[in-house]
Amino acid sequence: MLRRSLCSSTWSRGAPVAAALLSALTAGCSPANSSSPESTCTVDATIADAISAGDGNTLPGLPSSTQISLTTLYESPLGMEGLTGDSQSNLYVAGQGGGSPCPVWRIATPSGTKTVVGTIPAPCTPLGITFDASGNLLIADTATATIWKLTPNGQSPPMATAFATGVPGANGIAFDSAGRLWVTDGTTGQGRVWRVAPDGGVIEAFRVQPLANLVNLAPAQDMGDDAGEDSGEPTSPVDAAAGDAGLHAGDGGVELEASAGGAEPDAGSGGTGLEAGVGGVGRDSRALPPGALMVTPTTRAAANTAGSVPIVANGILFTPDGILVVADTARGALWKVALDDEGHVMSPVDCDTTFMPDTLCLQDLFVEHPILEGLDGIVLDTAGNIWGVANERNAVVVVTPSGSVQEVFRNLPDVMTQLRNGGPLEFPTSPFFLPERKFCITQSDVSRRDNYPNSGGEVGPQNGGAFVAKISCIDQPLPAPGLTLPVQ
């Protein structure tokens, strides 16, 4: 197994510790040559003192008196994203086989031994994965808009059967205390969250506000050349490079299909009824690179149309008191939704009639912060802290119950190139707490923002494509154990 190190840092809104932390980071985190794959960064004791004291904004108990280190547990020849585990400290993840059946693996810790415990029918692009209360694995497959179910068996691996269908973009999944499964729509960018009954029946429960509404959507062919002349951009409604992070037409990332619940709003919601088109009122979040800027002494402007990140409903979890939390990748935010005993939304909706019915109101936004940009998978510890990975920032982050946002660590920039793509994180996507307070992370090595180009680190093009994703674990135990799943 390979081991990498990086320094721990804390960033919060708490002014009393800001100066101490800045001083500590400046003094203690200046490796002589961070381009070395085994370079280390020792954290000044000032950070440990500031964190352990706690002021309501910082999280006590973070391992920081010594460096935080990660050990690579498993390198995969297939793409991976979702991650879950059992009480025996085994991790479970599905490989993305594309046109071949997708294997579901059990990864033992700390050995990293891999065992096939099931398969998913092709074509398949599995993302979220979780256990139900009976020990079955549920797996979200964005390629077929299906939730698959199987009972893991290393002796006779079963083929998964369909538990629910009609969930395009299926990404994050989580059970509530009543045994209902909740699913986010990921790369479709529409913000849908579905409630799946124990019998597999699917109902759209609500929507997170997308970055833009569709009130001025027009057919692409009607835009003509004038659109490109006015904006200086290509007239194509979708730039091929915008598919960087799996935003492919085939998995709902860039096409809006009426049959999949796409752009089919009624007139009352300000929609157009179009299946696809060009337009939208709002904003477009782009990751640079693959997006690029034209920089001049007087301004900065878009130089291409690549890098759009439309995902507003990604990771998902439930708190013990039944609050649903959704990670918003594009905004760098968390939404909180109150539900009644039947799973109906009690939080405010329909404040902005230009969005689809049942769209959350802005007061449902719990926290939004630049540290959370690219927020992907999220997990909860027993102290109520929400831990997540900011994929495009190559960072691990935590949000306290009060809404304080802290960066636990982030890849150090190379001293020569100033790039952060050399590891140990390589586009982290899903975290999971093992019973002994060990924090493990899948990494998909997508070539975007901090991880661009993805030629650095341990996996990716630099090894001939033999390994394209990995699982790593933080060596130091975190302050509180993870919450047992599913939440009961």
Protein backbone atom coordinates (compact mmCIF):
# COMPACT_ATOMS: atom_id res chain seq x y z
CA MET A 1 0.00 0.00 0.00
CA LEU A 2 1.12 3.51 -0.76
CA ARG A 3 1.18 6.32 1.73
CA ARG A 4 0.99 10.06 1.19
CA SER A 5 0.95 12.95 3.63
CA LEU A 6 -0.38 16.47 3.70
CA CYS A 7 -0.94 19.09 6.28
CA SER A 8 -4.11 19.71 8.21
CA SER A 9 -5.62 23.15 8.28
CA THR A 10 -8.73 24.75 9.70
CA TRP A 11 -10.69 27.61 8.24
CA SER A 12 -13.75 28.97 9.96
CA ARG A 13 -15.69 32.13 10.53
CA GLY A 14 -14.35 32.27 14.08
CA ALA A 15 -12.17 35.37 14.22
CA PRO A 16 -10.45 34.45 17.52
CA VAL A 17 -8.49 31.63 15.88
CA ALA A 18 -7.95 33.07 12.40
CA ALA A 19 -4.67 34.84 13.12
CA ALA A 20 -3.24 31.87 14.98
CA LEU A 21 -4.17 29.51 12.19
CA LEU A 22 -2.76 31.72 9.49
CA SER A 23 0.48 32.08 11.42
CA ALA A 24 0.69 28.34 11.98
CA LEU A 25 0.03 27.52 8.37
CA THR A 26 2.61 29.99 7.17
CA ALA A 27 5.26 28.81 9.61
CA GLY A 28 4.61 25.09 9.67
CA CYS A 29 3.35 24.16 6.19
CA SER A 30 6.18 25.07 3.88
CA PRO A 31 7.69 21.80 2.66
CA ALA A 32 11.08 22.09 1.04
CA ASN A 33 9.86 20.29 -2.05
CA SER A 34 6.16 19.47 -2.23
CA SER A 35 6.64 18.08 -5.73
CA SER A 36 8.11 14.98 -4.11
CA PRO A 37 5.43 12.26 -3.82
CA GLU A 38 6.52 11.52 -0.28
CA SER A 39 6.86 15.12 0.91
CA THR A 40 5.45 15.92 4.34
CA CYS A 41 4.16 19.00 6.04
CA THR A 42 4.28 19.36 9.80
CA VAL A 43 1.56 21.41 11.43
CA ASP A 44 2.59 23.93 14.05
CA ALA A 45 1.27 23.19 17.54
CA THR A 46 -0.58 26.53 17.46
CA ILE A 47 -3.21 24.86 15.30
CA ALA A 48 -3.68 22.03 17.77
CA ASP A 49 -4.10 24.50 20.61
CA ALA A 50 -6.61 26.60 18.67
CA ILE A 51 -8.69 23.61 17.66
CA SER A 52 -8.64 21.78 20.99
CA ALA A 53 -9.74 24.92 22.79
CA GLY A 54 -12.86 25.18 20.63
CA ASP A 55 -14.83 28.41 20.39
CA GLY A 56 -18.15 27.21 18.99
CA ASN A 57 -16.93 27.72 15.45
CA THR A 58 -13.98 25.33 15.33
CA LEU A 59 -14.28 21.58 15.77
CA PRO A 60 -12.48 20.23 18.85
CA GLY A 61 -10.41 17.09 18.54
CA LEU A 62 -9.24 17.22 14.94
CA PRO A 63 -5.93 15.38 14.54
CA SER A 64 -3.55 18.24 13.96
CA SER A 65 -0.68 18.16 16.45
CA THR A 66 0.95 15.86 13.92
CA GLN A 67 0.50 15.68 10.18
CA ILE A 68 -2.60 14.07 8.75
CA SER A 69 -1.69 11.19 6.47
CA LEU A 70 -3.61 9.02 4.04
CA THR A 71 -2.94 5.44 3.07
CA THR A 72 -4.03 4.17 -0.32
CA LEU A 73 -6.10 1.07 0.40
CA TYR A 74 -7.07 -0.02 -3.12
CA GLU A 75 -6.36 1.05 -6.71
CA SER A 76 -9.02 0.15 -9.26
CA PRO A 77 -8.87 -0.64 -12.99
CA LEU A 78 -12.46 0.64 -13.24
CA GLY A 79 -14.02 3.93 -12.29
CA MET A 80 -15.58 4.13 -8.82
CA GLU A 81 -17.66 6.65 -6.93
CA GLY A 82 -20.08 5.59 -4.17
CA LEU A 83 -18.81 4.03 -0.95
CA THR A 84 -20.38 2.29 2.03
CA GLY A 85 -19.30 -0.20 4.67
CA ASP A 86 -20.31 -2.75 7.28
CA SER A 87 -19.70 -3.30 10.98
CA GLN A 88 -16.72 -5.56 10.23
CA SER A 89 -14.73 -2.66 8.75
CA ASN A 90 -15.26 -3.80 5.17
CA LEU A 91 -15.91 -1.25 2.45
CA TYR A 92 -18.24 -1.78 -0.51
CA VAL A 93 -17.98 -0.09 -3.89
CA ALA A 94 -19.14 -0.77 -7.45
CA GLY A 95 -16.84 -0.65 -10.45
CA GLN A 96 -18.08 1.22 -13.50
CA GLY A 97 -18.02 -1.35 -16.29
CA GLY A 98 -19.82 0.60 -19.00
CA GLY A 99 -20.80 -2.00 -21.60
CA SER A 100 -19.86 -4.93 -19.35
CA PRO A 101 -21.58 -6.05 -16.15
CA CYS A 102 -20.36 -3.92 -13.25
CA PRO A 103 -18.71 -5.73 -10.33
CA VAL A 104 -19.65 -4.92 -6.76
CA TRP A 105 -16.62 -5.32 -4.52
CA ARG A 106 -16.01 -5.81 -0.84
CA ILE A 107 -12.70 -4.25 0.16
CA ALA A 108 -11.26 -5.50 3.44
CA THR A 109 -9.43 -3.09 5.70
CA PRO A 110 -6.61 -2.68 6.36
CA SER A 111 -5.40 -5.30 3.84
CA GLY A 112 -7.19 -3.91 0.78
CA THR A 113 -8.18 -7.42 -0.32
CA LYS A 114 -10.90 -7.30 -2.98
CA THR A 115 -13.79 -9.78 -3.23
CA VAL A 116 -16.57 -9.69 -5.82
CA VAL A 117 -19.89 -9.90 -3.93
CA GLY A 118 -22.29 -9.18 -6.80
CA THR A 119 -22.71 -7.74 -10.28
CA ILE A 120 -24.94 -5.17 -11.98
CA PRO A 121 -26.35 -5.84 -15.47
CA ALA A 122 -24.79 -3.91 -18.36
CA PRO A 123 -24.87 -1.14 -19.40
CA CYS A 124 -24.14 0.35 -16.02
CA THR A 125 -22.59 3.39 -14.36
CA PRO A 126 -23.09 2.82 -10.63
CA LEU A 127 -22.77 5.81 -8.31
CA GLY A 128 -24.36 5.90 -4.86
CA ILE A 129 -24.40 2.75 -2.75
CA THR A 130 -25.87 1.97 0.68
CA PHE A 131 -27.13 -0.87 2.86
CA ASP A 132 -30.73 -1.27 3.93
CA ALA A 133 -31.69 -2.47 7.41
CA SER A 134 -31.79 -6.10 6.19
CA GLY A 135 -28.23 -6.14 4.87
CA ASN A 136 -29.03 -5.71 1.19
CA LEU A 137 -27.02 -3.33 -0.96
CA LEU A 138 -28.88 -0.68 -2.95
CA ILE A 139 -26.96 0.87 -5.83
CA ALA A 140 -27.87 3.90 -7.95
CA ASP A 141 -27.17 3.41 -11.66
CA THR A 142 -27.20 6.61 -13.66
CA ALA A 143 -26.78 4.76 -16.99
CA THR A 144 -30.20 3.11 -16.77
CA ALA A 145 -32.00 5.38 -14.25
CA THR A 146 -32.32 2.33 -12.01
CA ILE A 147 -31.79 1.46 -8.38
CA TRP A 148 -30.38 -2.07 -8.16
CA LYS A 149 -30.63 -4.40 -5.18
CA LEU A 150 -28.54 -7.40 -4.18
CA THR A 151 -27.52 -9.36 -1.10
CA PRO A 152 -23.69 -9.41 -1.11
CA ASN A 153 -22.21 -12.90 -1.29
CA GLY A 154 -18.52 -13.52 -1.81
CA GLN A 155 -19.00 -17.26 -2.40
CA SER A 156 -21.71 -17.00 -5.05
CA PRO A 157 -21.98 -13.37 -6.24
CA PRO A 158 -25.57 -12.63 -7.31
CA MET A 159 -26.72 -10.53 -10.24
CA ALA A 160 -28.55 -7.45 -8.95
CA THR A 161 -32.26 -7.08 -9.61
CA ALA A 162 -34.10 -3.83 -10.25
CA PHE A 163 -35.59 -2.33 -7.09
CA ALA A 164 -36.79 0.92 -8.67
CA THR A 165 -36.74 2.48 -12.14
CA GLY A 166 -37.42 5.93 -13.57
CA VAL A 167 -34.82 7.89 -11.58
CA PRO A 168 -32.70 9.59 -14.29
CA GLY A 169 -29.29 10.74 -13.15
CA ALA A 170 -29.60 8.54 -10.03
CA ASN A 171 -26.70 9.56 -7.83
CA GLY A 172 -26.82 9.95 -4.05
CA ILE A 173 -29.02 7.56 -2.05
CA ALA A 174 -30.02 7.32 1.62
CA PHE A 175 -32.67 5.57 3.70
CA ASP A 176 -34.94 7.32 6.17
CA SER A 177 -36.05 5.71 9.45
CA ALA A 178 -39.22 4.38 7.80
CA GLY A 179 -37.30 2.38 5.21
CA ARG A 180 -37.95 4.77 2.32
CA LEU A 181 -35.06 5.36 -0.06
CA TRP A 182 -34.27 8.89 -1.23
CA VAL A 183 -32.42 9.53 -4.48
CA THR A 184 -30.85 12.64 -6.05
CA ASP A 185 -30.64 13.35 -9.79
CA GLY A 186 -26.96 14.32 -9.96
CA THR A 187 -25.65 15.36 -13.35
CA THR A 188 -29.05 16.15 -14.87
CA GLY A 189 -28.81 19.47 -13.03
CA GLN A 190 -32.54 19.70 -12.41
CA GLY A 191 -32.30 19.23 -8.66
CA ARG A 192 -34.86 16.43 -8.35
CA VAL A 193 -35.04 14.32 -5.21
CA TRP A 194 -37.15 11.18 -5.36
CA ARG A 195 -38.81 9.24 -2.59
CA VAL A 196 -38.83 5.49 -3.24
CA ALA A 197 -41.30 3.40 -1.24
CA PRO A 198 -40.32 0.01 0.20
CA ASP A 199 -42.14 -1.61 -2.74
CA GLY A 200 -40.06 0.36 -5.27
CA GLY A 201 -42.65 2.97 -6.18
CA VAL A 202 -41.03 6.28 -7.18
CA ILE A 203 -42.40 9.76 -6.46
CA GLU A 204 -40.65 13.07 -7.06
CA ALA A 205 -40.67 14.62 -3.58
CA PHE A 206 -39.15 18.05 -4.27
CA ARG A 207 -36.47 19.89 -6.21
CA VAL A 208 -33.43 21.81 -5.12
CA GLN A 209 -33.30 25.10 -6.99
CA PRO A 210 -31.35 24.57 -10.21
CA LEU A 211 -28.86 27.24 -11.20
CA ALA A 212 -31.19 28.52 -13.90
CA ASN A 213 -34.85 28.31 -14.81
CA LEU A 214 -36.13 27.61 -18.32
CA VAL A 215 -38.37 30.61 -18.94
CA ASN A 216 -36.62 31.68 -22.17
CA LEU A 217 -35.59 28.28 -23.48
CA ALA A 218 -35.66 28.18 -27.26
CA PRO A 219 -34.92 25.40 -29.76
CA ALA A 220 -31.23 25.30 -30.54
CA GLN A 221 -31.81 25.68 -34.27
CA ASP A 222 -33.74 28.93 -33.70
CA MET A 223 -30.79 30.63 -32.05
CA GLY A 224 -28.96 31.04 -35.33
CA ASP A 225 -25.50 32.44 -35.79
CA ASP A 226 -26.39 35.63 -33.93
CA ALA A 227 -26.05 33.86 -30.58
CA GLY A 228 -22.46 33.00 -31.28
CA GLU A 229 -21.71 36.45 -32.66
CA ASP A 230 -23.15 38.18 -29.62
CA SER A 231 -21.38 36.06 -27.06
CA GLY A 232 -18.19 35.19 -28.84
CA GLU A 233 -18.93 31.54 -28.02
CA PRO A 234 -19.76 28.55 -30.20
CA THR A 235 -23.44 28.20 -31.08
CA SER A 236 -23.57 24.57 -30.01
CA PRO A 237 -25.86 24.29 -26.96
CA VAL A 238 -23.50 21.81 -25.34
CA ASP A 239 -19.74 21.99 -25.46
CA ALA A 240 -18.28 18.50 -25.61
CA ALA A 241 -15.71 19.36 -23.00
CA ALA A 242 -18.47 20.22 -20.54
CA GLY A 243 -18.94 16.50 -20.08
CA ASP A 244 -15.81 16.44 -17.91
CA ALA A 245 -17.05 14.79 -14.65
CA GLY A 246 -19.30 12.34 -16.35
CA LEU A 247 -21.76 14.86 -17.74
CA HIS A 248 -22.52 12.82 -20.83
CA ALA A 249 -25.72 12.84 -22.81
CA GLY A 250 -26.09 9.14 -22.19
CA ASP A 251 -26.45 9.58 -18.44
CA GLY A 252 -28.65 12.64 -18.50
CA GLY A 253 -25.82 15.11 -18.01
CA VAL A 254 -26.50 17.38 -20.96
CA GLU A 255 -29.71 16.33 -22.64
CA LEU A 256 -33.15 17.17 -21.33
CA GLU A 257 -35.56 14.42 -22.24
CA ALA A 258 -39.24 14.77 -21.51
CA SER A 259 -39.53 11.04 -20.92
CA ALA A 260 -36.94 11.30 -18.17
CA GLY A 261 -38.60 14.20 -16.44
CA GLY A 262 -36.51 16.78 -18.20
CA ALA A 263 -37.54 20.19 -19.51
CA GLU A 264 -41.28 19.74 -19.48
CA PRO A 265 -42.58 22.52 -17.23
CA ASP A 266 -46.08 23.78 -17.76
CA ALA A 267 -46.93 27.35 -18.64
CA GLY A 268 -47.83 28.13 -15.07
CA SER A 269 -44.30 27.51 -13.93
CA GLY A 270 -42.75 29.76 -16.54
CA GLY A 271 -41.68 26.85 -18.70
CA THR A 272 -41.76 26.28 -22.43
CA GLY A 273 -42.62 22.60 -22.77
CA LEU A 274 -39.49 22.06 -24.87
CA GLU A 275 -37.57 18.80 -24.63
CA ALA A 276 -34.26 20.57 -25.20
CA GLY A 277 -33.01 23.97 -26.21
CA VAL A 278 -30.80 26.94 -25.47
CA GLY A 279 -31.46 29.61 -22.88
CA GLY A 280 -32.17 29.78 -19.17
CA VAL A 281 -32.23 32.64 -16.67
CA GLY A 282 -29.81 32.32 -13.81
CA ARG A 283 -26.13 31.49 -13.58
CA ASP A 284 -23.71 28.87 -14.90
CA SER A 285 -21.08 27.48 -12.55
CA ARG A 286 -17.89 26.53 -14.39
CA ALA A 287 -14.78 24.76 -13.21
CA LEU A 288 -11.47 26.09 -14.52
CA PRO A 289 -9.96 24.02 -16.15
CA PRO A 290 -11.37 22.59 -18.42
CA GLY A 291 -13.06 25.96 -18.59
CA ALA A 292 -10.66 28.77 -19.46
CA LEU A 293 -10.48 32.54 -19.16
CA MET A 294 -9.22 35.23 -21.47
CA VAL A 295 -7.23 37.41 -19.08
CA THR A 296 -6.28 40.97 -19.98
CA PRO A 297 -4.99 43.87 -17.85
CA THR A 298 -8.54 45.20 -17.60
CA THR A 299 -10.84 42.19 -17.42
CA ARG A 300 -11.37 38.46 -17.38
CA ALA A 301 -13.86 36.79 -19.71
CA ALA A 302 -14.77 33.29 -20.77
CA ALA A 303 -12.47 31.88 -23.44
CA ASN A 304 -14.52 28.70 -23.98
CA THR A 305 -17.76 27.06 -22.90
CA ALA A 306 -16.24 24.07 -21.13
CA GLY A 307 -16.45 23.08 -17.49
CA SER A 308 -20.10 23.70 -16.61
CA VAL A 309 -21.07 22.10 -13.30
CA PRO A 310 -24.89 21.97 -13.11
CA ILE A 311 -25.16 19.47 -10.23
CA VAL A 312 -27.30 20.87 -7.40
CA ALA A 313 -28.51 17.58 -5.84
CA ASN A 314 -25.64 15.21 -5.14
CA GLY A 315 -24.77 13.59 -1.80
CA ILE A 316 -27.65 12.98 0.59
CA LEU A 317 -28.10 11.93 4.23
CA PHE A 318 -30.55 11.92 7.10
CA THR A 319 -29.93 13.27 10.58
CA PRO A 320 -31.20 11.25 13.58
CA ASP A 321 -34.10 13.70 13.97
CA GLY A 322 -35.25 13.06 10.40
CA ILE A 323 -33.90 16.14 8.62
CA LEU A 324 -32.86 15.45 5.04
CA VAL A 325 -29.58 17.08 3.96
CA VAL A 326 -28.61 17.48 0.29
CA ALA A 327 -25.19 18.47 -1.03
CA ASP A 328 -25.23 21.14 -3.75
CA THR A 329 -22.06 20.70 -5.81
CA ALA A 330 -22.43 23.74 -8.06
CA ARG A 331 -23.11 26.27 -5.29
CA GLY A 332 -20.88 24.70 -2.65
CA ALA A 333 -23.81 24.39 -0.28
CA LEU A 334 -26.00 22.20 1.91
CA TRP A 335 -29.81 22.27 1.87
CA LYS A 336 -31.90 21.06 4.82
CA VAL A 337 -35.42 19.72 4.32
CA ALA A 338 -37.93 18.91 7.05
CA LEU A 339 -40.31 16.02 6.38
CA ASP A 340 -43.42 14.69 8.10
CA ASP A 341 -43.90 11.07 9.13
CA GLU A 342 -45.16 10.18 5.65
CA GLY A 343 -42.15 11.70 3.93
CA HIS A 344 -43.93 14.83 2.70
CA VAL A 345 -41.97 18.08 2.58
CA MET A 346 -42.70 20.51 5.40
CA SER A 347 -40.01 23.06 4.49
CA PRO A 348 -41.00 26.09 2.41
CA VAL A 349 -41.42 25.47 -1.33
CA ASP A 350 -42.75 27.37 -4.37
CA CYS A 351 -41.41 30.78 -3.38
CA ASP A 352 -40.18 31.39 -6.94
CA THR A 353 -42.81 30.53 -9.54
CA THR A 354 -40.27 30.56 -12.38
CA PHE A 355 -39.07 27.18 -11.15
CA MET A 356 -40.93 23.88 -11.27
CA PRO A 357 -43.57 23.22 -8.58
CA ASP A 358 -42.27 21.89 -5.25
CA THR A 359 -38.89 23.61 -5.68
CA LEU A 360 -37.27 24.53 -2.36
CA CYS A 361 -37.13 28.13 -1.24
CA LEU A 362 -33.86 29.89 -0.50
CA GLN A 363 -34.58 29.81 3.22
CA ASP A 364 -34.06 26.04 3.04
CA LEU A 365 -30.38 26.68 2.30
CA PHE A 366 -28.43 25.69 5.42
CA VAL A 367 -24.96 26.92 4.45
CA GLU A 368 -23.10 28.05 1.33
CA HIS A 369 -19.35 28.59 1.35
CA PRO A 370 -16.41 28.69 -1.11
CA ILE A 371 -14.73 25.89 0.84
CA LEU A 372 -17.66 23.67 -0.15
CA GLU A 373 -17.36 24.26 -3.90
CA GLY A 374 -17.53 20.89 -5.60
CA LEU A 375 -19.17 19.26 -2.56
CA ASP A 376 -19.94 15.65 -3.48
CA GLY A 377 -20.59 12.83 -1.00
CA ILE A 378 -21.47 13.62 2.62
CA VAL A 379 -21.59 11.60 5.86
CA LEU A 380 -22.60 12.36 9.43
CA ASP A 381 -20.78 11.67 12.69
CA THR A 382 -22.38 11.07 16.07
CA ALA A 383 -21.66 14.65 17.15
CA GLY A 384 -23.82 15.99 14.31
CA ASN A 385 -20.95 17.19 12.11
CA ILE A 386 -21.41 16.76 8.37
CA TRP A 387 -18.21 15.54 6.70
CA GLY A 388 -17.81 15.84 2.96
CA VAL A 389 -15.39 15.89 0.08
CA ALA A 390 -15.04 18.90 -2.21
CA ASN A 391 -14.14 16.98 -5.34
CA GLU A 392 -12.85 19.75 -7.57
CA ARG A 393 -10.83 21.30 -4.74
CA ASN A 394 -9.16 18.00 -3.73
CA ALA A 395 -10.24 18.67 -0.16
CA VAL A 396 -11.98 17.16 2.85
CA VAL A 397 -14.36 19.52 4.64
CA VAL A 398 -16.64 19.51 7.66
CA VAL A 399 -19.71 21.55 8.61
CA THR A 400 -20.60 21.76 12.30
CA PRO A 401 -24.20 21.71 13.57
CA SER A 402 -24.05 25.49 13.91
CA GLY A 403 -23.10 25.88 10.24
CA SER A 404 -19.42 26.65 10.68
CA VAL A 405 -17.44 25.47 7.66
CA GLN A 406 -13.92 24.10 8.05
CA GLU A 407 -11.37 22.73 5.65
CA VAL A 408 -9.79 19.68 7.26
CA PHE A 409 -7.18 19.33 4.54
CA ARG A 410 -6.48 20.02 0.90
CA ASN A 411 -3.71 18.92 -1.45
CA LEU A 412 -0.66 21.14 -1.22
CA PRO A 413 0.36 22.93 -4.43
CA ASP A 414 3.52 21.80 -6.14
CA VAL A 415 6.26 24.34 -5.48
CA MET A 416 7.19 24.53 -9.16
CA THR A 417 3.87 24.28 -11.03
CA GLN A 418 1.53 25.43 -8.22
CA LEU A 419 -0.84 22.63 -9.27
CA ARG A 420 -2.65 20.54 -6.65
CA ASN A 421 -3.05 17.45 -8.85
CA GLY A 422 -0.23 15.36 -7.38
CA GLY A 423 -2.22 13.73 -4.58
CA PRO A 424 -2.81 12.35 -2.15
CA LEU A 425 -6.39 13.26 -3.11
CA GLU A 426 -7.36 12.75 -6.75
CA PHE A 427 -10.88 14.13 -7.19
CA PRO A 428 -12.48 12.68 -4.05
CA THR A 429 -16.12 11.69 -4.50
CA SER A 430 -17.56 9.66 -1.61
CA PRO A 431 -16.54 9.42 2.06
CA PHE A 432 -17.46 6.77 4.62
CA PHE A 433 -16.81 6.30 8.33
CA LEU A 434 -15.64 2.87 9.43
CA PRO A 435 -16.48 1.82 13.02
CA GLU A 436 -13.09 2.78 14.49
CA ARG A 437 -13.49 6.45 13.45
CA LYS A 438 -11.49 5.80 10.32
CA PHE A 439 -12.47 8.01 7.40
CA CYS A 440 -12.16 6.51 3.91
CA ILE A 441 -12.70 8.13 0.51
CA THR A 442 -13.22 7.01 -3.07
CA GLN A 443 -11.42 9.08 -5.70
CA SER A 444 -12.48 9.18 -9.35
CA ASP A 445 -9.48 11.14 -10.77
CA VAL A 446 -11.65 13.37 -12.95
CA SER A 447 -9.61 15.99 -14.79
CA ARG A 448 -11.17 19.16 -13.40
CA ARG A 449 -10.05 22.26 -11.50
CA ASP A 450 -7.49 21.29 -8.83
CA ASN A 451 -7.15 17.81 -10.32
CA TYR A 452 -6.46 19.12 -13.84
CA PRO A 453 -4.66 17.62 -15.61
CA ASN A 454 -5.20 14.24 -13.99
CA SER A 455 -1.71 13.10 -14.95
CA GLY A 456 -0.40 13.56 -11.41
CA GLY A 457 -0.83 11.30 -8.41
CA GLU A 458 -1.07 7.53 -8.28
CA VAL A 459 -3.91 6.69 -10.69
CA GLY A 460 -4.80 7.90 -14.16
CA PRO A 461 -3.05 8.31 -17.50
CA GLN A 462 0.46 8.28 -16.05
CA ASN A 463 0.28 4.54 -15.34
CA GLY A 464 -1.03 3.64 -18.78
CA GLY A 465 -4.60 3.56 -17.55
CA ALA A 466 -4.02 0.39 -15.51
CA PHE A 467 -5.59 2.10 -12.49
CA VAL A 468 -8.14 4.90 -12.87
CA ALA A 469 -9.61 5.28 -9.37
CA LYS A 470 -8.70 4.49 -5.78
CA ILE A 471 -9.79 4.31 -2.16
CA SER A 472 -7.71 6.00 0.53
CA CYS A 473 -8.20 6.30 4.29
CA ILE A 474 -7.02 8.89 6.78
CA ASP A 475 -4.65 7.16 9.19
CA GLN A 476 -5.60 9.24 12.23
CA PRO A 477 -9.01 8.64 13.89
CA LEU A 478 -11.38 11.57 13.57
CA PRO A 479 -12.96 13.24 16.62
CA ALA A 480 -16.26 11.31 16.62
CA PRO A 481 -17.41 8.03 15.11
CA GLY A 482 -19.65 7.98 12.08
CA LEU A 483 -23.41 7.56 12.48
CA THR A 484 -24.60 4.00 11.92
CA LEU A 485 -26.45 3.55 8.63
CA PRO A 486 -29.25 3.33 7.82
CA VAL A 487 -30.40 5.84 10.45
CA GLN A 488 -32.89 4.14 12.77
